[in-house]
Amino acid sequence: MTTDYVLDETATLLKARGHVHLVPVLLKIVFSSAACTVCWTDAERFQATCEFFVVMKDQRLRDSLTKDAHFREAGFQPLLA
């Protein structure tokens, strides 16, 4: 699971690093994947984002494909070392 905000940030990073050609590839893979769901941010969810990790909590997720220590601090399991 990912969010439209994560996709936006990833696309922005790819563009900033000179890999704009990878953006449509990324989006095609994500939107055609049976293994990945995009959780869209509406006005209500945006307001709720004042509380960190609201999407993960809403979806009852425990693991995250990250090495960011903030996820562990919030009680989630980062899967990358």
PDB file of N, CA and C in Angstrom:
ATOM      1  N   MET A   1       0.844  -1.165   0.000  1.00  0.00           N
ATOM      2  CA  MET A   1       0.000   0.000   0.000  1.00  0.00           C
ATOM      3  C   MET A   1       0.890   1.229   0.000  1.00  0.00           C
ATOM      4  N   THR A   2       0.451   2.243  -0.744  1.00  0.00           N
ATOM      5  CA  THR A   2       1.131   3.536  -0.756  1.00  0.00           C
ATOM      6  C   THR A   2       0.053   4.609  -0.865  1.00  0.00           C
ATOM      7  N   THR A   3       0.463   5.847  -0.813  1.00  0.00           N
ATOM      8  CA  THR A   3      -0.485   6.950  -0.957  1.00  0.00           C
ATOM      9  C   THR A   3      -0.125   7.786  -2.181  1.00  0.00           C
ATOM     10  N   ASP A   4      -1.088   8.573  -2.620  1.00  0.00           N
ATOM     11  CA  ASP A   4      -0.822   9.481  -3.729  1.00  0.00           C
ATOM     12  C   ASP A   4       0.276  10.475  -3.354  1.00  0.00           C
ATOM     13  N   TYR A   5       0.381  10.823  -2.088  1.00  0.00           N
ATOM     14  CA  TYR A   5       1.424  11.750  -1.662  1.00  0.00           C
ATOM     15  C   TYR A   5       2.812  11.119  -1.804  1.00  0.00           C
ATOM     16  N   VAL A   6       2.932   9.838  -1.462  1.00  0.00           N
ATOM     17  CA  VAL A   6       4.214   9.139  -1.615  1.00  0.00           C
ATOM     18  C   VAL A   6       4.582   9.056  -3.091  1.00  0.00           C
ATOM     19  N   LEU A   7       3.608   8.757  -3.932  1.00  0.00           N
ATOM     20  CA  LEU A   7       3.872   8.711  -5.373  1.00  0.00           C
ATOM     21  C   LEU A   7       4.309  10.083  -5.891  1.00  0.00           C
ATOM     22  N   ASP A   8       3.658  11.120  -5.429  1.00  0.00           N
ATOM     23  CA  ASP A   8       4.016  12.479  -5.839  1.00  0.00           C
ATOM     24  C   ASP A   8       5.445  12.820  -5.414  1.00  0.00           C
ATOM     25  N   GLU A   9       5.798  12.499  -4.184  1.00  0.00           N
ATOM     26  CA  GLU A   9       7.150  12.782  -3.690  1.00  0.00           C
ATOM     27  C   GLU A   9       8.195  11.967  -4.448  1.00  0.00           C
ATOM     28  N   THR A  10       7.866  10.722  -4.759  1.00  0.00           N
ATOM     29  CA  THR A  10       8.790   9.868  -5.507  1.00  0.00           C
ATOM     30  C   THR A  10       8.980  10.402  -6.920  1.00  0.00           C
ATOM     31  N   ALA A  11       7.897  10.808  -7.567  1.00  0.00           N
ATOM     32  CA  ALA A  11       7.987  11.384  -8.912  1.00  0.00           C
ATOM     33  C   ALA A  11       8.810  12.672  -8.887  1.00  0.00           C
ATOM     34  N   THR A  12       8.609  13.497  -7.879  1.00  0.00           N
ATOM     35  CA  THR A  12       9.375  14.746  -7.748  1.00  0.00           C
ATOM     36  C   THR A  12      10.857  14.458  -7.571  1.00  0.00           C
ATOM     37  N   LEU A  13      11.190  13.462  -6.748  1.00  0.00           N
ATOM     38  CA  LEU A  13      12.593  13.083  -6.532  1.00  0.00           C
ATOM     39  C   LEU A  13      13.219  12.562  -7.823  1.00  0.00           C
ATOM     40  N   LEU A  14      12.490  11.701  -8.530  1.00  0.00           N
ATOM     41  CA  LEU A  14      13.011  11.195  -9.808  1.00  0.00           C
ATOM     42  C   LEU A  14      13.288  12.337 -10.779  1.00  0.00           C
ATOM     43  N   LYS A  15      12.367  13.283 -10.870  1.00  0.00           N
ATOM     44  CA  LYS A  15      12.556  14.433 -11.763  1.00  0.00           C
ATOM     45  C   LYS A  15      13.755  15.268 -11.326  1.00  0.00           C
ATOM     46  N   ALA A  16      13.870  15.512 -10.021  1.00  0.00           N
ATOM     47  CA  ALA A  16      14.965  16.342  -9.503  1.00  0.00           C
ATOM     48  C   ALA A  16      16.326  15.702  -9.744  1.00  0.00           C
ATOM     49  N   ARG A  17      16.351  14.376  -9.782  1.00  0.00           N
ATOM     50  CA  ARG A  17      17.622  13.669  -9.996  1.00  0.00           C
ATOM     51  C   ARG A  17      17.879  13.360 -11.469  1.00  0.00           C
ATOM     52  N   GLY A  18      17.047  13.927 -12.342  1.00  0.00           N
ATOM     53  CA  GLY A  18      17.268  13.767 -13.777  1.00  0.00           C
ATOM     54  C   GLY A  18      16.741  12.474 -14.372  1.00  0.00           C
ATOM     55  N   HIS A  19      15.808  11.833 -13.680  1.00  0.00           N
ATOM     56  CA  HIS A  19      15.257  10.561 -14.158  1.00  0.00           C
ATOM     57  C   HIS A  19      13.776  10.677 -14.498  1.00  0.00           C
ATOM     58  N   VAL A  20      13.414  11.789 -15.124  1.00  0.00           N
ATOM     59  CA  VAL A  20      12.004  12.040 -15.440  1.00  0.00           C
ATOM     60  C   VAL A  20      11.410  10.923 -16.301  1.00  0.00           C
ATOM     61  N   HIS A  21      12.241  10.270 -17.088  1.00  0.00           N
ATOM     62  CA  HIS A  21      11.767   9.176 -17.942  1.00  0.00           C
ATOM     63  C   HIS A  21      11.251   7.982 -17.136  1.00  0.00           C
ATOM     64  N   LEU A  22      11.632   7.893 -15.867  1.00  0.00           N
ATOM     65  CA  LEU A  22      11.186   6.781 -15.014  1.00  0.00           C
ATOM     66  C   LEU A  22       9.822   7.025 -14.369  1.00  0.00           C
ATOM     67  N   VAL A  23       9.348   8.256 -14.377  1.00  0.00           N
ATOM     68  CA  VAL A  23       8.064   8.569 -13.732  1.00  0.00           C
ATOM     69  C   VAL A  23       6.912   7.786 -14.354  1.00  0.00           C
ATOM     70  N   PRO A  24       6.726   7.811 -15.677  1.00  0.00           N
ATOM     71  CA  PRO A  24       5.619   7.028 -16.233  1.00  0.00           C
ATOM     72  C   PRO A  24       5.786   5.526 -16.012  1.00  0.00           C
ATOM     73  N   VAL A  25       7.023   5.061 -15.979  1.00  0.00           N
ATOM     74  CA  VAL A  25       7.280   3.637 -15.710  1.00  0.00           C
ATOM     75  C   VAL A  25       6.825   3.288 -14.305  1.00  0.00           C
ATOM     76  N   LEU A  26       7.224   4.102 -13.339  1.00  0.00           N
ATOM     77  CA  LEU A  26       6.812   3.905 -11.949  1.00  0.00           C
ATOM     78  C   LEU A  26       5.297   3.875 -11.830  1.00  0.00           C
ATOM     79  N   LEU A  27       4.635   4.868 -12.393  1.00  0.00           N
ATOM     80  CA  LEU A  27       3.183   4.968 -12.271  1.00  0.00           C
ATOM     81  C   LEU A  27       2.475   3.801 -12.950  1.00  0.00           C
ATOM     82  N   LYS A  28       2.976   3.381 -14.103  1.00  0.00           N
ATOM     83  CA  LYS A  28       2.381   2.236 -14.791  1.00  0.00           C
ATOM     84  C   LYS A  28       2.496   0.978 -13.938  1.00  0.00           C
ATOM     85  N   ILE A  29       3.662   0.761 -13.351  1.00  0.00           N
ATOM     86  CA  ILE A  29       3.872  -0.421 -12.506  1.00  0.00           C
ATOM     87  C   ILE A  29       2.955  -0.386 -11.295  1.00  0.00           C
ATOM     88  N   VAL A  30       2.891   0.752 -10.633  1.00  0.00           N
ATOM     89  CA  VAL A  30       2.062   0.862  -9.419  1.00  0.00           C
ATOM     90  C   VAL A  30       0.588   0.652  -9.743  1.00  0.00           C
ATOM     91  N   PHE A  31       0.093   1.347 -10.769  1.00  0.00           N
ATOM     92  CA  PHE A  31      -1.338   1.283 -11.057  1.00  0.00           C
ATOM     93  C   PHE A  31      -1.779  -0.023 -11.708  1.00  0.00           C
ATOM     94  N   SER A  32      -0.847  -0.782 -12.254  1.00  0.00           N
ATOM     95  CA  SER A  32      -1.215  -2.071 -12.831  1.00  0.00           C
ATOM     96  C   SER A  32      -0.935  -3.234 -11.882  1.00  0.00           C
ATOM     97  N   SER A  33      -0.349  -2.948 -10.741  1.00  0.00           N
ATOM     98  CA  SER A  33       0.029  -3.988  -9.796  1.00  0.00           C
ATOM     99  C   SER A  33      -1.157  -4.504  -8.989  1.00  0.00           C
ATOM    100  N   ALA A  34      -1.253  -5.804  -8.905  1.00  0.00           N
ATOM    101  CA  ALA A  34      -2.254  -6.416  -8.028  1.00  0.00           C
ATOM    102  C   ALA A  34      -1.751  -6.432  -6.586  1.00  0.00           C
ATOM    103  N   ALA A  35      -0.464  -6.216  -6.406  1.00  0.00           N
ATOM    104  CA  ALA A  35       0.132  -6.268  -5.077  1.00  0.00           C
ATOM    105  C   ALA A  35       0.195  -4.911  -4.394  1.00  0.00           C
ATOM    106  N   CYS A  36      -0.063  -3.846  -5.118  1.00  0.00           N
ATOM    107  CA  CYS A  36       0.046  -2.501  -4.550  1.00  0.00           C
ATOM    108  C   CYS A  36      -1.278  -1.765  -4.682  1.00  0.00           C
ATOM    109  N   THR A  37      -1.726  -1.199  -3.587  1.00  0.00           N
ATOM    110  CA  THR A  37      -2.940  -0.394  -3.562  1.00  0.00           C
ATOM    111  C   THR A  37      -2.553   1.054  -3.285  1.00  0.00           C
ATOM    112  N   VAL A  38      -3.181   1.976  -4.007  1.00  0.00           N
ATOM    113  CA  VAL A  38      -2.945   3.403  -3.761  1.00  0.00           C
ATOM    114  C   VAL A  38      -4.086   3.927  -2.904  1.00  0.00           C
ATOM    115  N   CYS A  39      -3.735   4.482  -1.774  1.00  0.00           N
ATOM    116  CA  CYS A  39      -4.704   5.089  -0.863  1.00  0.00           C
ATOM    117  C   CYS A  39      -4.709   6.592  -1.153  1.00  0.00           C
ATOM    118  N   TRP A  40      -5.839   7.096  -1.650  1.00  0.00           N
ATOM    119  CA  TRP A  40      -5.934   8.481  -2.088  1.00  0.00           C
ATOM    120  C   TRP A  40      -6.258   9.409  -0.919  1.00  0.00           C
ATOM    121  N   THR A  41      -5.683  10.592  -0.954  1.00  0.00           N
ATOM    122  CA  THR A  41      -5.870  11.578   0.091  1.00  0.00           C
ATOM    123  C   THR A  41      -7.015  12.511  -0.289  1.00  0.00           C
ATOM    124  N   ASP A  42      -8.084  12.466   0.500  1.00  0.00           N
ATOM    125  CA  ASP A  42      -9.191  13.406   0.310  1.00  0.00           C
ATOM    126  C   ASP A  42      -9.095  14.471   1.406  1.00  0.00           C
ATOM    127  N   ALA A  43     -10.023  15.393   1.436  1.00  0.00           N
ATOM    128  CA  ALA A  43      -9.962  16.498   2.405  1.00  0.00           C
ATOM    129  C   ALA A  43      -9.983  15.992   3.847  1.00  0.00           C
ATOM    130  N   GLU A  44     -10.803  14.993   4.113  1.00  0.00           N
ATOM    131  CA  GLU A  44     -10.890  14.448   5.473  1.00  0.00           C
ATOM    132  C   GLU A  44      -9.574  13.793   5.895  1.00  0.00           C
ATOM    133  N   ARG A  45      -8.994  13.011   4.994  1.00  0.00           N
ATOM    134  CA  ARG A  45      -7.719  12.351   5.319  1.00  0.00           C
ATOM    135  C   ARG A  45      -6.617  13.398   5.460  1.00  0.00           C
ATOM    136  N   PHE A  46      -6.637  14.422   4.624  1.00  0.00           N
ATOM    137  CA  PHE A  46      -5.629  15.468   4.718  1.00  0.00           C
ATOM    138  C   PHE A  46      -5.660  16.115   6.105  1.00  0.00           C
ATOM    139  N   GLN A  47      -6.860  16.407   6.602  1.00  0.00           N
ATOM    140  CA  GLN A  47      -6.991  16.985   7.947  1.00  0.00           C
ATOM    141  C   GLN A  47      -6.439  16.033   9.003  1.00  0.00           C
ATOM    142  N   ALA A  48      -6.675  14.741   8.812  1.00  0.00           N
ATOM    143  CA  ALA A  48      -6.215  13.745   9.782  1.00  0.00           C
ATOM    144  C   ALA A  48      -4.708  13.565   9.764  1.00  0.00           C
ATOM    145  N   THR A  49      -4.029  14.022   8.709  1.00  0.00           N
ATOM    146  CA  THR A  49      -2.586  13.819   8.622  1.00  0.00           C
ATOM    147  C   THR A  49      -1.807  14.656   9.628  1.00  0.00           C
ATOM    148  N   CYS A  50      -2.496  15.488  10.355  1.00  0.00           N
ATOM    149  CA  CYS A  50      -1.821  16.188  11.452  1.00  0.00           C
ATOM    150  C   CYS A  50      -1.316  15.163  12.470  1.00  0.00           C
ATOM    151  N   GLU A  51      -1.955  14.006  12.497  1.00  0.00           N
ATOM    152  CA  GLU A  51      -1.483  12.883  13.310  1.00  0.00           C
ATOM    153  C   GLU A  51      -0.659  11.998  12.378  1.00  0.00           C
ATOM    154  N   PHE A  52       0.595  11.761  12.739  1.00  0.00           N
ATOM    155  CA  PHE A  52       1.480  10.999  11.864  1.00  0.00           C
ATOM    156  C   PHE A  52       0.975   9.582  11.626  1.00  0.00           C
ATOM    157  N   PHE A  53       1.290   9.075  10.458  1.00  0.00           N
ATOM    158  CA  PHE A  53       1.034   7.680  10.082  1.00  0.00           C
ATOM    159  C   PHE A  53      -0.445   7.325  10.076  1.00  0.00           C
ATOM    160  N   VAL A  54      -1.315   8.283   9.803  1.00  0.00           N
ATOM    161  CA  VAL A  54      -2.757   8.055   9.849  1.00  0.00           C
ATOM    162  C   VAL A  54      -3.193   6.978   8.855  1.00  0.00           C
ATOM    163  N   VAL A  55      -2.625   6.950   7.668  1.00  0.00           N
ATOM    164  CA  VAL A  55      -3.014   5.942   6.677  1.00  0.00           C
ATOM    165  C   VAL A  55      -2.626   4.555   7.167  1.00  0.00           C
ATOM    166  N   MET A  56      -1.421   4.422   7.696  1.00  0.00           N
ATOM    167  CA  MET A  56      -0.993   3.114   8.186  1.00  0.00           C
ATOM    168  C   MET A  56      -1.882   2.648   9.333  1.00  0.00           C
ATOM    169  N   LYS A  57      -2.242   3.550  10.204  1.00  0.00           N
ATOM    170  CA  LYS A  57      -3.120   3.190  11.318  1.00  0.00           C
ATOM    171  C   LYS A  57      -4.516   2.837  10.817  1.00  0.00           C
ATOM    172  N   ASP A  58      -5.048   3.635   9.895  1.00  0.00           N
ATOM    173  CA  ASP A  58      -6.377   3.364   9.336  1.00  0.00           C
ATOM    174  C   ASP A  58      -6.445   1.998   8.671  1.00  0.00           C
ATOM    175  N   GLN A  59      -5.368   1.627   7.996  1.00  0.00           N
ATOM    176  CA  GLN A  59      -5.337   0.362   7.257  1.00  0.00           C
ATOM    177  C   GLN A  59      -4.798  -0.798   8.099  1.00  0.00           C
ATOM    178  N   ARG A  60      -4.508  -0.512   9.360  1.00  0.00           N
ATOM    179  CA  ARG A  60      -3.989  -1.515  10.305  1.00  0.00           C
ATOM    180  C   ARG A  60      -2.707  -2.195   9.802  1.00  0.00           C
ATOM    181  N   LEU A  61      -1.819  -1.382   9.244  1.00  0.00           N
ATOM    182  CA  LEU A  61      -0.541  -1.885   8.757  1.00  0.00           C
ATOM    183  C   LEU A  61       0.477  -1.857   9.885  1.00  0.00           C
ATOM    184  N   ARG A  62       1.385  -2.812   9.879  1.00  0.00           N
ATOM    185  CA  ARG A  62       2.429  -2.867  10.902  1.00  0.00           C
ATOM    186  C   ARG A  62       3.823  -2.698  10.319  1.00  0.00           C
ATOM    187  N   ASP A  63       4.019  -3.165   9.088  1.00  0.00           N
ATOM    188  CA  ASP A  63       5.328  -3.132   8.443  1.00  0.00           C
ATOM    189  C   ASP A  63       5.382  -2.012   7.414  1.00  0.00           C
ATOM    190  N   SER A  64       6.595  -1.481   7.217  1.00  0.00           N
ATOM    191  CA  SER A  64       6.787  -0.420   6.234  1.00  0.00           C
ATOM    192  C   SER A  64       8.091  -0.658   5.485  1.00  0.00           C
ATOM    193  N   LEU A  65       8.048  -0.486   4.168  1.00  0.00           N
ATOM    194  CA  LEU A  65       9.228  -0.671   3.340  1.00  0.00           C
ATOM    195  C   LEU A  65      10.080   0.593   3.409  1.00  0.00           C
ATOM    196  N   THR A  66      10.762   0.742   4.537  1.00  0.00           N
ATOM    197  CA  THR A  66      11.570   1.926   4.808  1.00  0.00           C
ATOM    198  C   THR A  66      12.678   1.570   5.781  1.00  0.00           C
ATOM    199  N   LYS A  67      13.647   2.456   5.912  1.00  0.00           N
ATOM    200  CA  LYS A  67      14.638   2.337   6.982  1.00  0.00           C
ATOM    201  C   LYS A  67      14.590   3.573   7.885  1.00  0.00           C
ATOM    202  N   ASP A  68      13.545   4.368   7.710  1.00  0.00           N
ATOM    203  CA  ASP A  68      13.335   5.581   8.489  1.00  0.00           C
ATOM    204  C   ASP A  68      13.007   5.214   9.941  1.00  0.00           C
ATOM    205  N   ALA A  69      13.811   5.670  10.867  1.00  0.00           N
ATOM    206  CA  ALA A  69      13.649   5.345  12.295  1.00  0.00           C
ATOM    207  C   ALA A  69      12.345   5.891  12.874  1.00  0.00           C
ATOM    208  N   HIS A  70      11.756   6.903  12.248  1.00  0.00           N
ATOM    209  CA  HIS A  70      10.502   7.460  12.762  1.00  0.00           C
ATOM    210  C   HIS A  70       9.379   6.427  12.744  1.00  0.00           C
ATOM    211  N   PHE A  71       9.438   5.498  11.796  1.00  0.00           N
ATOM    212  CA  PHE A  71       8.417   4.455  11.742  1.00  0.00           C
ATOM    213  C   PHE A  71       8.520   3.554  12.966  1.00  0.00           C
ATOM    214  N   ARG A  72       9.734   3.189  13.340  1.00  0.00           N
ATOM    215  CA  ARG A  72       9.933   2.354  14.537  1.00  0.00           C
ATOM    216  C   ARG A  72       9.464   3.119  15.785  1.00  0.00           C
ATOM    217  N   GLU A  73       9.793   4.395  15.870  1.00  0.00           N
ATOM    218  CA  GLU A  73       9.377   5.218  17.008  1.00  0.00           C
ATOM    219  C   GLU A  73       7.857   5.281  17.124  1.00  0.00           C
ATOM    220  N   ALA A  74       7.168   5.202  15.987  1.00  0.00           N
ATOM    221  CA  ALA A  74       5.703   5.257  15.994  1.00  0.00           C
ATOM    222  C   ALA A  74       5.065   3.887  16.207  1.00  0.00           C
ATOM    223  N   GLY A  75       5.924   2.856  16.371  1.00  0.00           N
ATOM    224  CA  GLY A  75       5.401   1.522  16.653  1.00  0.00           C
ATOM    225  C   GLY A  75       5.267   0.615  15.448  1.00  0.00           C
ATOM    226  N   PHE A  76       5.838   1.018  14.315  1.00  0.00           N
ATOM    227  CA  PHE A  76       5.801   0.190  13.110  1.00  0.00           C
ATOM    228  C   PHE A  76       7.140  -0.510  12.920  1.00  0.00           C
ATOM    229  N   GLN A  77       7.151  -1.516  12.053  1.00  0.00           N
ATOM    230  CA  GLN A  77       8.360  -2.282  11.786  1.00  0.00           C
ATOM    231  C   GLN A  77       8.961  -1.872  10.435  1.00  0.00           C
ATOM    232  N   PRO A  78      10.070  -1.113  10.432  1.00  0.00           N
ATOM    233  CA  PRO A  78      10.753  -0.810   9.170  1.00  0.00           C
ATOM    234  C   PRO A  78      11.389  -2.088   8.621  1.00  0.00           C
ATOM    235  N   LEU A  79      11.185  -2.390   7.353  1.00  0.00           N
ATOM    236  CA  LEU A  79      11.668  -3.641   6.783  1.00  0.00           C
ATOM    237  C   LEU A  79      13.064  -3.546   6.174  1.00  0.00           C
ATOM    238  N   LEU A  80      13.577  -2.337   6.011  1.00  0.00           N
ATOM    239  CA  LEU A  80      14.909  -2.160   5.445  1.00  0.00           C
ATOM    240  C   LEU A  80      15.899  -1.840   6.548  1.00  0.00           C
ATOM    241  N   ALA A  81      17.112  -2.348   6.388  1.00  0.00           N
ATOM    242  CA  ALA A  81      18.154  -2.104   7.405  1.00  0.00           C
ATOM    243  C   ALA A  81      18.891  -0.829   7.127  1.00  0.00           C
TER     244      ALA A  81
END
